[in-house]
Protein backbone atom coordinates (compact mmCIF):
# COMPACT_ATOMS: atom_id res chain seq x y z
CA MET A 1 -135.74 -1.73 -70.09
CA GLU A 2 -133.29 1.14 -69.77
CA SER A 3 -134.61 4.45 -68.56
CA LYS A 4 -134.54 7.33 -71.01
CA SER A 5 -131.56 8.92 -69.27
CA GLN A 6 -129.44 5.79 -69.78
CA ILE A 7 -129.75 5.69 -73.56
CA TYR A 8 -127.05 7.69 -75.27
CA PHE A 9 -125.12 7.45 -78.48
CA ASN A 10 -121.46 8.15 -79.15
CA GLY A 11 -118.85 7.59 -81.84
CA ASN A 12 -119.29 7.80 -85.58
CA GLU A 13 -119.48 5.52 -88.56
CA GLN A 14 -119.96 5.94 -92.27
CA SER A 15 -122.72 4.39 -94.32
CA ARG A 16 -123.76 4.60 -97.97
CA LEU A 17 -126.84 6.17 -99.48
CA SER A 18 -128.43 3.95 -102.11
CA PRO A 19 -129.79 5.35 -105.40
CA LYS A 20 -133.28 4.88 -103.89
CA GLY A 21 -132.38 7.09 -100.92
CA GLN A 22 -132.01 4.22 -98.45
CA VAL A 23 -129.35 4.24 -95.76
CA THR A 24 -128.47 1.74 -93.02
CA ILE A 25 -128.16 2.84 -89.41
CA PRO A 26 -124.89 1.34 -88.20
CA ALA A 27 -125.32 -1.68 -85.93
CA ARG A 28 -123.36 0.07 -83.14
CA PHE A 29 -126.35 2.42 -82.71
CA ARG A 30 -129.15 -0.09 -83.36
CA ASN A 31 -127.68 -2.49 -80.81
CA GLN A 32 -128.17 0.03 -78.02
CA LEU A 33 -131.96 -0.13 -78.37
CA GLU A 34 -134.46 -2.81 -77.51
CA ASN A 35 -136.45 -4.49 -80.29
CA GLU A 36 -139.72 -2.75 -79.36
CA GLU A 37 -138.07 0.63 -79.70
CA LEU A 38 -136.50 -0.33 -83.04
CA LYS A 39 -139.89 -1.50 -84.36
CA ARG A 40 -141.34 1.97 -83.72
CA GLY A 41 -138.64 3.52 -85.87
CA PHE A 42 -137.15 6.94 -85.39
CA VAL A 43 -138.10 10.59 -85.82
CA LEU A 44 -135.91 12.60 -88.16
CA VAL A 45 -135.67 16.42 -87.95
CA GLN A 46 -133.43 19.08 -89.42
CA GLY A 47 -130.55 19.77 -87.05
CA GLN A 48 -128.98 23.01 -85.98
CA GLU A 49 -126.16 22.79 -88.49
CA ASP A 50 -126.24 21.21 -91.94
CA CYS A 51 -127.20 17.80 -90.62
CA LEU A 52 -130.22 15.80 -89.52
CA TYR A 53 -131.09 14.64 -86.01
CA LEU A 54 -132.41 11.13 -85.53
CA TYR A 55 -134.28 10.43 -82.28
CA THR A 56 -136.11 7.46 -80.85
CA HIS A 57 -139.82 8.17 -80.40
CA ARG A 58 -139.37 8.36 -76.66
CA GLN A 59 -136.54 10.88 -76.98
CA PHE A 60 -138.44 12.93 -79.55
CA GLY A 61 -141.40 13.13 -77.16
CA GLU A 62 -139.20 15.11 -74.78
CA ILE A 63 -137.96 17.36 -77.61
CA LYS A 64 -141.52 17.95 -78.83
CA ASP A 65 -142.66 18.99 -75.35
CA ARG A 66 -139.75 21.44 -74.99
CA ALA A 67 -140.44 22.86 -78.46
CA ARG A 68 -144.13 23.38 -77.67
CA GLU A 69 -143.29 25.15 -74.40
CA HIS A 70 -140.60 27.29 -76.02
CA PHE A 71 -142.62 28.39 -79.04
CA THR A 72 -145.71 29.04 -76.91
CA ALA A 73 -143.65 31.14 -74.47
CA ILE A 74 -142.27 33.34 -77.25
CA GLY A 75 -145.64 33.59 -79.03
CA LYS A 76 -144.63 31.55 -82.08
CA LYS A 77 -147.18 28.74 -82.15
CA SER A 78 -146.95 28.64 -85.94
CA ALA A 79 -143.24 27.82 -85.60
CA PHE A 80 -144.17 24.78 -83.50
CA ARG A 81 -146.59 23.71 -86.23
CA THR A 82 -143.81 23.97 -88.82
CA PHE A 83 -141.42 22.08 -86.54
CA MET A 84 -143.89 19.20 -86.23
CA GLU A 85 -144.82 19.21 -89.93
CA GLU A 86 -141.18 18.89 -90.92
CA ALA A 87 -140.48 16.01 -88.51
CA GLU A 88 -140.53 12.64 -90.30
CA THR A 89 -141.07 9.20 -88.80
CA VAL A 90 -138.81 6.64 -90.46
CA LEU A 91 -139.26 2.90 -90.12
CA LEU A 92 -136.42 0.40 -90.32
CA ASP A 93 -136.51 -2.70 -92.48
CA PRO A 94 -135.04 -5.95 -91.06
CA GLN A 95 -131.53 -4.91 -92.19
CA GLY A 96 -131.74 -1.60 -90.33
CA ARG A 97 -132.33 0.50 -93.44
CA PHE A 98 -134.69 3.41 -93.92
CA VAL A 99 -135.39 5.95 -96.63
CA LEU A 100 -134.02 9.43 -96.02
CA PRO A 101 -136.87 11.75 -97.09
CA GLY A 102 -135.85 13.87 -100.07
CA ALA A 103 -136.74 17.25 -98.55
CA LEU A 104 -134.70 16.66 -95.41
CA ARG A 105 -131.88 15.09 -97.41
CA GLU A 106 -131.73 18.23 -99.57
CA LYS A 107 -131.78 20.62 -96.58
CA ALA A 108 -128.82 18.79 -95.03
CA GLY A 109 -126.89 18.51 -98.31
CA LEU A 110 -126.90 14.71 -98.23
CA ALA A 111 -126.45 14.00 -101.92
CA GLY A 112 -124.50 10.85 -101.12
CA PRO A 113 -123.22 8.39 -101.61
CA ASP A 114 -121.30 8.69 -98.32
CA ILE A 115 -123.21 9.47 -95.15
CA LEU A 116 -121.75 9.94 -91.66
CA PHE A 117 -123.69 8.83 -88.57
CA ALA A 118 -122.44 10.47 -85.37
CA GLY A 119 -123.69 9.56 -81.91
CA VAL A 120 -124.19 12.71 -79.87
CA ASP A 121 -125.70 11.87 -76.46
CA ASN A 122 -129.48 11.46 -76.91
CA ARG A 123 -129.48 11.57 -80.71
CA ILE A 124 -127.76 10.33 -83.82
CA GLU A 125 -126.68 13.04 -86.23
CA ILE A 126 -126.56 12.36 -89.97
CA TRP A 127 -123.98 14.35 -91.94
CA HIS A 128 -122.31 14.57 -95.30
CA PRO A 129 -118.76 13.59 -94.23
CA ALA A 130 -117.14 16.61 -95.92
CA THR A 131 -119.54 19.03 -94.19
CA ARG A 132 -118.81 17.52 -90.79
CA GLN A 133 -115.07 17.57 -91.42
CA ALA A 134 -115.16 21.22 -92.51
CA LEU A 135 -117.10 22.18 -89.38
CA ARG A 136 -114.63 20.34 -87.19
CA GLN A 137 -111.70 22.09 -88.83
CA THR A 138 -113.09 25.62 -88.67
CA GLY A 139 -115.08 25.34 -85.46
CA GLY A 140 -117.68 27.42 -87.33
CA GLU A 141 -121.41 26.98 -87.22
CA ALA A 142 -124.03 27.78 -89.79
CA ASP A 143 -127.32 29.57 -89.28
CA LEU A 144 -127.34 31.88 -86.27
CA TRP A 145 -131.06 31.31 -85.64
CA ARG A 146 -130.54 27.60 -85.13
CA ARG A 147 -127.73 28.26 -82.66
CA GLU A 148 -129.79 30.73 -80.66
CA GLN A 149 -133.25 29.17 -80.74
CA GLY A 150 -132.43 25.53 -81.52
CA GLY A 151 -130.34 25.19 -78.38
CA ARG A 152 -133.38 25.88 -76.25
CA ILE A 153 -135.57 23.49 -78.21
CA PHE A 154 -133.10 20.63 -78.39
CA GLY A 155 -131.91 21.16 -74.82
CA LEU A 156 -128.33 21.86 -75.85
């Protein structure tokens, strides 16, 4: 089995959001993981920009530990609680599909039907393609708090 530092994601690929809120993780990303890891599913959290971050459970364990340390150090234990409450475990069906939870889908502006999966090192980001394209063109970033505090939590 690969060590945690050897697993990384890169590239991007579009997928479609079904009327039931299901989306398929592109095979290029699923194929990088062993079956046992795929069976455990992924952890989905709101990203720093208007996107979602998708982590393997092993990778999210590292994020969770950093978040706990960070929020404890700045005296914001309730923020850690909120961070964990908003994290969602998603399980894949045999075709590699999962349901994007409505609350997270809404926060990231993923009304569909097109969804962009982007591999960014230790995570897969899920974007509305137009939002990602606009960010690329302007170089701008939304939400100053996420840039300042999220970087420490996510190790960016």
